Amino acid sequence: MLASPTELSHRYGVLLLQQGIASQPRPPYVRWLHYYWDFCHK
């Protein structure tokens, strides 16, 4: 079963923090996560 978008976004945010991705470049990463999520469900 796939994770819900909110859970997935939360886990992705935690991963970005663990990888040392600063707050400034984070929005493009999150945007691409949403693009990928949409693509996989079409």
C-alpha atoms as a PDB file:
ATOM      1  CA  MET A   1       0.000   0.000   0.000  1.00  0.00           C
ATOM      2  CA  LEU A   2       1.266   3.432  -0.905  1.00  0.00           C
ATOM      3  CA  ALA A   3       1.826   6.086   1.716  1.00  0.00           C
ATOM      4  CA  SER A   4      -0.548   9.000   1.821  1.00  0.00           C
ATOM      5  CA  PRO A   5       0.790  12.291   0.442  1.00  0.00           C
ATOM      6  CA  THR A   6       1.009  13.887   3.905  1.00  0.00           C
ATOM      7  CA  GLU A   7       2.960  10.968   5.348  1.00  0.00           C
ATOM      8  CA  LEU A   8       5.160  10.826   2.275  1.00  0.00           C
ATOM      9  CA  SER A   9       5.838  14.579   2.431  1.00  0.00           C
ATOM     10  CA  HIS A  10       6.700  14.333   6.119  1.00  0.00           C
ATOM     11  CA  ARG A  11       9.105  11.444   5.561  1.00  0.00           C
ATOM     12  CA  TYR A  12      10.686  13.248   2.624  1.00  0.00           C
ATOM     13  CA  GLY A  13      11.177  16.373   4.760  1.00  0.00           C
ATOM     14  CA  VAL A  14      12.880  14.300   7.445  1.00  0.00           C
ATOM     15  CA  LEU A  15      15.114  12.726   4.800  1.00  0.00           C
ATOM     16  CA  LEU A  16      16.102  16.142   3.460  1.00  0.00           C
ATOM     17  CA  LEU A  17      17.015  17.261   6.973  1.00  0.00           C
ATOM     18  CA  GLN A  18      19.082  14.126   7.539  1.00  0.00           C
ATOM     19  CA  GLN A  19      20.909  14.692   4.252  1.00  0.00           C
ATOM     20  CA  GLY A  20      21.745  18.257   5.245  1.00  0.00           C
ATOM     21  CA  ILE A  21      19.634  19.983   2.610  1.00  0.00           C
ATOM     22  CA  ALA A  22      19.179  23.553   3.816  1.00  0.00           C
ATOM     23  CA  SER A  23      15.789  25.272   3.926  1.00  0.00           C
ATOM     24  CA  GLN A  24      16.547  27.509   0.956  1.00  0.00           C
ATOM     25  CA  PRO A  25      16.852  24.885  -1.817  1.00  0.00           C
ATOM     26  CA  ARG A  26      14.157  22.641  -0.334  1.00  0.00           C
ATOM     27  CA  PRO A  27      11.051  23.918  -2.248  1.00  0.00           C
ATOM     28  CA  PRO A  28      12.240  22.553  -5.634  1.00  0.00           C
ATOM     29  CA  TYR A  29      12.850  19.144  -4.059  1.00  0.00           C
ATOM     30  CA  VAL A  30       9.344  19.108  -2.613  1.00  0.00           C
ATOM     31  CA  ARG A  31       7.868  20.303  -5.921  1.00  0.00           C
ATOM     32  CA  TRP A  32       9.519  17.425  -7.782  1.00  0.00           C
ATOM     33  CA  LEU A  33       8.187  14.988  -5.204  1.00  0.00           C
ATOM     34  CA  HIS A  34       4.678  16.226  -6.023  1.00  0.00           C
ATOM     35  CA  TYR A  35       5.344  15.934  -9.777  1.00  0.00           C
ATOM     36  CA  TYR A  36       6.593  12.378  -9.320  1.00  0.00           C
ATOM     37  CA  TRP A  37       3.606  11.472  -7.129  1.00  0.00           C
ATOM     38  CA  ASP A  38       1.198  12.778  -9.775  1.00  0.00           C
ATOM     39  CA  PHE A  39       3.048  11.006 -12.581  1.00  0.00           C
ATOM     40  CA  CYS A  40       2.990   7.654 -10.821  1.00  0.00           C
ATOM     41  CA  HIS A  41      -0.749   7.851 -10.238  1.00  0.00           C
ATOM     42  CA  LYS A  42      -1.860   8.655 -13.785  1.00  0.00           C
END
